[in-house]
Every structure is written in C-alpha cells, then in structure tokens.
Amino acid sequence: MVTHPERWFERFAADEVDMLSFHWEESRERTAENIDILHSLGLKAGVAINPDVPVSCLYPYLHKADFFLIMSVFAGFGGQKFIPESLERIAALKERIALEGSSALIEVDGGVNPSNAKALSEAGADILVAGSSVFGSEDPAMSIRIMRAV
C-alpha cells in the first residue's frame, strides 16, 4: 500500500507487470481514473481494500476493474493472523459480482495458508496470495500444492 499509487503505474508497466492493484483508501475519487490509466498501459486493474473498509465501496467499479483485492489482514507487514470475518466480505462481494453480471475476480491477501485456502475458495476467492505460509514453511512446494488443489 503506497500513497499516490498512480506515480508507480508506468514503472510497473515498463517492467512488464500484467496485473496491478491499488488501494481504494489512497485513491477514493480517483479510483475510476486510476483504473482507466492502468488499462491504457495494458495492465489488468485491481482495487484493494483493507479489512475496515466496507466492500460496498467497490460496487461502483464492478464493471471497470478486472479484479478486487480483499485484504484479510491490515496492509503493512507479513505474518499477520487471518481475520475470519474476511470470509463474509468475500462472499458478499462475490454475490454482488454475480448479481451485477461482472466478470471481475476476487483476490485475497493476508494470512492465507493451506488450512484456510478451501474456505477462501468456497467463499468466492479466485486468486490467493500466500507469503509467510509458503516461504516460512518447511516444505514450500507442498504448501503451494495444497492450496492449488482447492
């Protein structure tokens, strides 16, 4: 999570990134514009929110953004414990995406691990981001295989 994320968009595009998300909390009234900028650079655009931000703030962008990142911990550092209420937030967003006929995906980051990957997928997550649970594992490849199997 960075302030003024639009300052970084061209640099990431130059580095051939395919997908890039930015936090709604840092864009607010510039969110639609930032999505358009990412698309103009050939990137898939995502909008991220922290656990204390209502998922309803994403609804205006259901047909603009390619994906939404639900943070299941507060942005800042790795190794935080998964916030269980995130499952309800994911399910609510997935329901709204279906209701609106959007093709947007849901990404989840924070406390994702082999023991909660299935529940996250069942709630509606399409993309799981796992850091500490993979890189801190005795067998990172096995952790990845377990999560991919859901």
C-alpha atoms as a PDB file:
ATOM      1  CA  MET A   1       0.000   0.000   0.000  1.00  0.00           C
ATOM      2  CA  VAL A   2       1.526   3.270  -1.129  1.00  0.00           C
ATOM      3  CA  THR A   3       0.343   6.849  -1.247  1.00  0.00           C
ATOM      4  CA  HIS A   4      -0.320   8.260  -4.710  1.00  0.00           C
ATOM      5  CA  PRO A   5      -0.133   4.836  -6.406  1.00  0.00           C
ATOM      6  CA  GLU A   6      -0.543   6.408  -9.842  1.00  0.00           C
ATOM      7  CA  ARG A   7       3.066   7.584  -9.577  1.00  0.00           C
ATOM      8  CA  TRP A   8       4.144   3.950  -9.949  1.00  0.00           C
ATOM      9  CA  PHE A   9       1.885   2.736 -12.745  1.00  0.00           C
ATOM     10  CA  GLU A  10       4.197   3.490 -15.678  1.00  0.00           C
ATOM     11  CA  ARG A  11       7.190   1.960 -13.915  1.00  0.00           C
ATOM     12  CA  PHE A  12       5.319  -1.300 -13.320  1.00  0.00           C
ATOM     13  CA  ALA A  13       4.065  -1.304 -16.911  1.00  0.00           C
ATOM     14  CA  ALA A  14       7.642  -0.845 -18.134  1.00  0.00           C
ATOM     15  CA  ASP A  15       8.626  -3.849 -16.020  1.00  0.00           C
ATOM     16  CA  GLU A  16       6.004  -5.879 -17.927  1.00  0.00           C
ATOM     17  CA  VAL A  17       3.681  -6.464 -14.983  1.00  0.00           C
ATOM     18  CA  ASP A  18       0.355  -7.979 -16.099  1.00  0.00           C
ATOM     19  CA  MET A  19      -1.867  -7.115 -13.143  1.00  0.00           C
ATOM     20  CA  LEU A  20      -1.623  -4.234 -10.701  1.00  0.00           C
ATOM     21  CA  SER A  21      -3.844  -3.244  -7.808  1.00  0.00           C
ATOM     22  CA  PHE A  22      -4.002  -0.078  -5.767  1.00  0.00           C
ATOM     23  CA  HIS A  23      -5.806   0.685  -2.528  1.00  0.00           C
ATOM     24  CA  TRP A  24      -9.159   2.429  -2.730  1.00  0.00           C
ATOM     25  CA  GLU A  25      -8.236   4.201   0.509  1.00  0.00           C
ATOM     26  CA  GLU A  26      -5.429   6.004  -1.347  1.00  0.00           C
ATOM     27  CA  SER A  27      -7.425   6.788  -4.482  1.00  0.00           C
ATOM     28  CA  ARG A  28     -11.059   7.347  -3.470  1.00  0.00           C
ATOM     29  CA  GLU A  29     -12.369   9.882  -6.015  1.00  0.00           C
ATOM     30  CA  ARG A  30      -9.517   8.978  -8.417  1.00  0.00           C
ATOM     31  CA  THR A  31     -10.334   5.257  -8.418  1.00  0.00           C
ATOM     32  CA  ALA A  32     -12.115   5.164 -11.791  1.00  0.00           C
ATOM     33  CA  GLU A  33      -9.407   7.343 -13.326  1.00  0.00           C
ATOM     34  CA  ASN A  34      -6.661   5.084 -11.954  1.00  0.00           C
ATOM     35  CA  ILE A  35      -8.390   2.016 -13.380  1.00  0.00           C
ATOM     36  CA  ASP A  36      -8.516   3.743 -16.772  1.00  0.00           C
ATOM     37  CA  ILE A  37      -4.823   4.648 -16.563  1.00  0.00           C
ATOM     38  CA  LEU A  38      -3.860   1.036 -15.820  1.00  0.00           C
ATOM     39  CA  HIS A  39      -5.979  -0.190 -18.730  1.00  0.00           C
ATOM     40  CA  SER A  40      -4.396   2.388 -21.050  1.00  0.00           C
ATOM     41  CA  LEU A  41      -0.996   0.968 -20.075  1.00  0.00           C
ATOM     42  CA  GLY A  42      -2.172  -2.541 -20.988  1.00  0.00           C
ATOM     43  CA  LEU A  43      -2.493  -3.769 -17.403  1.00  0.00           C
ATOM     44  CA  LYS A  44      -5.319  -5.542 -15.656  1.00  0.00           C
ATOM     45  CA  ALA A  45      -6.540  -3.188 -12.952  1.00  0.00           C
ATOM     46  CA  GLY A  46      -7.389  -4.173  -9.390  1.00  0.00           C
ATOM     47  CA  VAL A  47      -8.782  -2.247  -6.459  1.00  0.00           C
ATOM     48  CA  ALA A  48      -7.719  -3.286  -2.953  1.00  0.00           C
ATOM     49  CA  ILE A  49      -9.337  -2.575   0.403  1.00  0.00           C
ATOM     50  CA  ASN A  50      -8.233  -3.093   3.995  1.00  0.00           C
ATOM     51  CA  PRO A  51     -10.384  -5.069   6.459  1.00  0.00           C
ATOM     52  CA  ASP A  52     -12.032  -1.967   7.935  1.00  0.00           C
ATOM     53  CA  VAL A  53     -13.321  -0.677   4.585  1.00  0.00           C
ATOM     54  CA  PRO A  54     -16.815  -1.776   3.528  1.00  0.00           C
ATOM     55  CA  VAL A  55     -16.866  -3.918   0.383  1.00  0.00           C
ATOM     56  CA  SER A  56     -19.708  -1.715  -0.874  1.00  0.00           C
ATOM     57  CA  CYS A  57     -17.128   0.957  -1.782  1.00  0.00           C
ATOM     58  CA  LEU A  58     -16.062  -1.410  -4.592  1.00  0.00           C
ATOM     59  CA  TYR A  59     -19.526  -1.731  -6.134  1.00  0.00           C
ATOM     60  CA  PRO A  60     -19.211   1.319  -8.434  1.00  0.00           C
ATOM     61  CA  TYR A  61     -16.228  -0.365 -10.118  1.00  0.00           C
ATOM     62  CA  LEU A  62     -17.668  -3.848 -10.697  1.00  0.00           C
ATOM     63  CA  HIS A  63     -17.713  -3.315 -14.468  1.00  0.00           C
ATOM     64  CA  LYS A  64     -14.493  -1.299 -14.621  1.00  0.00           C
ATOM     65  CA  ALA A  65     -11.906  -3.204 -12.571  1.00  0.00           C
ATOM     66  CA  ASP A  66     -10.611  -6.619 -13.585  1.00  0.00           C
ATOM     67  CA  PHE A  67     -10.203  -7.803 -10.014  1.00  0.00           C
ATOM     68  CA  PHE A  68     -10.660  -6.781  -6.408  1.00  0.00           C
ATOM     69  CA  LEU A  69      -8.180  -7.465  -3.639  1.00  0.00           C
ATOM     70  CA  ILE A  70      -9.725  -8.145  -0.263  1.00  0.00           C
ATOM     71  CA  MET A  71      -7.046  -7.714   2.364  1.00  0.00           C
ATOM     72  CA  SER A  72      -7.637 -10.243   5.132  1.00  0.00           C
ATOM     73  CA  VAL A  73      -5.076  -8.502   7.342  1.00  0.00           C
ATOM     74  CA  PHE A  74      -4.121  -4.833   7.508  1.00  0.00           C
ATOM     75  CA  ALA A  75      -1.578  -3.823   4.881  1.00  0.00           C
ATOM     76  CA  GLY A  76       1.869  -3.321   6.301  1.00  0.00           C
ATOM     77  CA  PHE A  77       3.782  -6.462   7.190  1.00  0.00           C
ATOM     78  CA  GLY A  78       3.784 -10.224   6.673  1.00  0.00           C
ATOM     79  CA  GLY A  79       2.946 -12.955   9.123  1.00  0.00           C
ATOM     80  CA  GLN A  80      -0.291 -11.461  10.453  1.00  0.00           C
ATOM     81  CA  LYS A  81      -3.155 -13.691  11.524  1.00  0.00           C
ATOM     82  CA  PHE A  82      -6.044 -14.101   9.084  1.00  0.00           C
ATOM     83  CA  ILE A  83      -9.153 -12.102  10.039  1.00  0.00           C
ATOM     84  CA  PRO A  84     -12.044 -14.647   9.899  1.00  0.00           C
ATOM     85  CA  GLU A  85     -14.665 -12.012   9.026  1.00  0.00           C
ATOM     86  CA  SER A  86     -12.921 -11.722   5.679  1.00  0.00           C
ATOM     87  CA  LEU A  87     -14.826 -14.806   4.535  1.00  0.00           C
ATOM     88  CA  GLU A  88     -18.129 -12.917   4.862  1.00  0.00           C
ATOM     89  CA  ARG A  89     -16.674  -9.950   2.995  1.00  0.00           C
ATOM     90  CA  ILE A  90     -15.501 -12.177   0.144  1.00  0.00           C
ATOM     91  CA  ALA A  91     -18.892 -13.897  -0.075  1.00  0.00           C
ATOM     92  CA  ALA A  92     -20.734 -10.556  -0.108  1.00  0.00           C
ATOM     93  CA  LEU A  93     -18.534  -9.223  -2.894  1.00  0.00           C
ATOM     94  CA  LYS A  94     -18.849 -12.453  -4.891  1.00  0.00           C
ATOM     95  CA  GLU A  95     -22.632 -12.280  -4.576  1.00  0.00           C
ATOM     96  CA  ARG A  96     -22.687  -8.683  -5.799  1.00  0.00           C
ATOM     97  CA  ILE A  97     -20.355  -9.501  -8.711  1.00  0.00           C
ATOM     98  CA  ALA A  98     -22.737 -12.296  -9.781  1.00  0.00           C
ATOM     99  CA  LEU A  99     -25.812 -10.106  -9.309  1.00  0.00           C
ATOM    100  CA  GLU A 100     -24.293  -7.357 -11.486  1.00  0.00           C
ATOM    101  CA  GLY A 101     -23.061  -9.821 -14.129  1.00  0.00           C
ATOM    102  CA  SER A 102     -19.465  -8.695 -13.697  1.00  0.00           C
ATOM    103  CA  SER A 103     -16.518 -10.853 -14.708  1.00  0.00           C
ATOM    104  CA  ALA A 104     -14.225  -9.361 -12.049  1.00  0.00           C
ATOM    105  CA  LEU A 105     -12.146 -11.747  -9.970  1.00  0.00           C
ATOM    106  CA  ILE A 106     -11.563 -11.683  -6.223  1.00  0.00           C
ATOM    107  CA  GLU A 107      -8.035 -11.862  -4.861  1.00  0.00           C
ATOM    108  CA  VAL A 108      -7.283 -12.375  -1.158  1.00  0.00           C
ATOM    109  CA  ASP A 109      -4.066 -11.456   0.621  1.00  0.00           C
ATOM    110  CA  GLY A 110      -3.150 -11.829   4.277  1.00  0.00           C
ATOM    111  CA  GLY A 111      -2.936 -14.891   6.456  1.00  0.00           C
ATOM    112  CA  VAL A 112      -3.688 -17.184   3.520  1.00  0.00           C
ATOM    113  CA  ASN A 113      -2.451 -20.710   4.213  1.00  0.00           C
ATOM    114  CA  PRO A 114      -3.180 -24.354   3.392  1.00  0.00           C
ATOM    115  CA  SER A 115      -5.677 -24.635   6.254  1.00  0.00           C
ATOM    116  CA  ASN A 116      -7.929 -21.780   5.100  1.00  0.00           C
ATOM    117  CA  ALA A 117      -7.465 -21.956   1.325  1.00  0.00           C
ATOM    118  CA  LYS A 118     -10.527 -24.164   0.793  1.00  0.00           C
ATOM    119  CA  ALA A 119     -12.788 -21.889   2.859  1.00  0.00           C
ATOM    120  CA  LEU A 120     -11.499 -18.867   0.927  1.00  0.00           C
ATOM    121  CA  SER A 121     -12.211 -20.572  -2.381  1.00  0.00           C
ATOM    122  CA  GLU A 122     -15.683 -21.627  -1.233  1.00  0.00           C
ATOM    123  CA  ALA A 123     -16.420 -18.039  -0.139  1.00  0.00           C
ATOM    124  CA  GLY A 124     -15.620 -16.858  -3.663  1.00  0.00           C
ATOM    125  CA  ALA A 125     -11.896 -16.104  -3.854  1.00  0.00           C
ATOM    126  CA  ASP A 126     -10.366 -16.674  -7.280  1.00  0.00           C
ATOM    127  CA  ILE A 127      -6.763 -15.698  -6.507  1.00  0.00           C
ATOM    128  CA  LEU A 128      -4.917 -16.468  -3.260  1.00  0.00           C
ATOM    129  CA  VAL A 129      -1.776 -14.615  -2.227  1.00  0.00           C
ATOM    130  CA  ALA A 130       0.341 -16.546   0.259  1.00  0.00           C
ATOM    131  CA  GLY A 131       3.635 -15.239   1.552  1.00  0.00           C
ATOM    132  CA  SER A 132       4.630 -16.296   5.040  1.00  0.00           C
ATOM    133  CA  SER A 133       2.743 -19.589   4.850  1.00  0.00           C
ATOM    134  CA  VAL A 134       4.798 -20.580   1.817  1.00  0.00           C
ATOM    135  CA  PHE A 135       8.184 -19.028   2.489  1.00  0.00           C
ATOM    136  CA  GLY A 136       8.072 -19.878   6.197  1.00  0.00           C
ATOM    137  CA  SER A 137       7.061 -23.475   5.534  1.00  0.00           C
ATOM    138  CA  GLU A 138       9.371 -26.456   5.894  1.00  0.00           C
ATOM    139  CA  ASP A 139       8.087 -27.592   2.502  1.00  0.00           C
ATOM    140  CA  PRO A 140       7.064 -24.548   0.412  1.00  0.00           C
ATOM    141  CA  ALA A 141       6.257 -26.651  -2.649  1.00  0.00           C
ATOM    142  CA  MET A 142       3.855 -28.800  -0.633  1.00  0.00           C
ATOM    143  CA  SER A 143       2.127 -25.718   0.771  1.00  0.00           C
ATOM    144  CA  ILE A 144       1.597 -24.437  -2.740  1.00  0.00           C
ATOM    145  CA  ARG A 145       0.316 -27.813  -3.973  1.00  0.00           C
ATOM    146  CA  ILE A 146      -2.227 -27.987  -1.135  1.00  0.00           C
ATOM    147  CA  MET A 147      -3.544 -24.514  -1.889  1.00  0.00           C
ATOM    148  CA  ARG A 148      -3.693 -25.113  -5.627  1.00  0.00           C
ATOM    149  CA  ALA A 149      -5.693 -28.295  -5.058  1.00  0.00           C
ATOM    150  CA  VAL A 150      -8.697 -26.364  -3.706  1.00  0.00           C
END
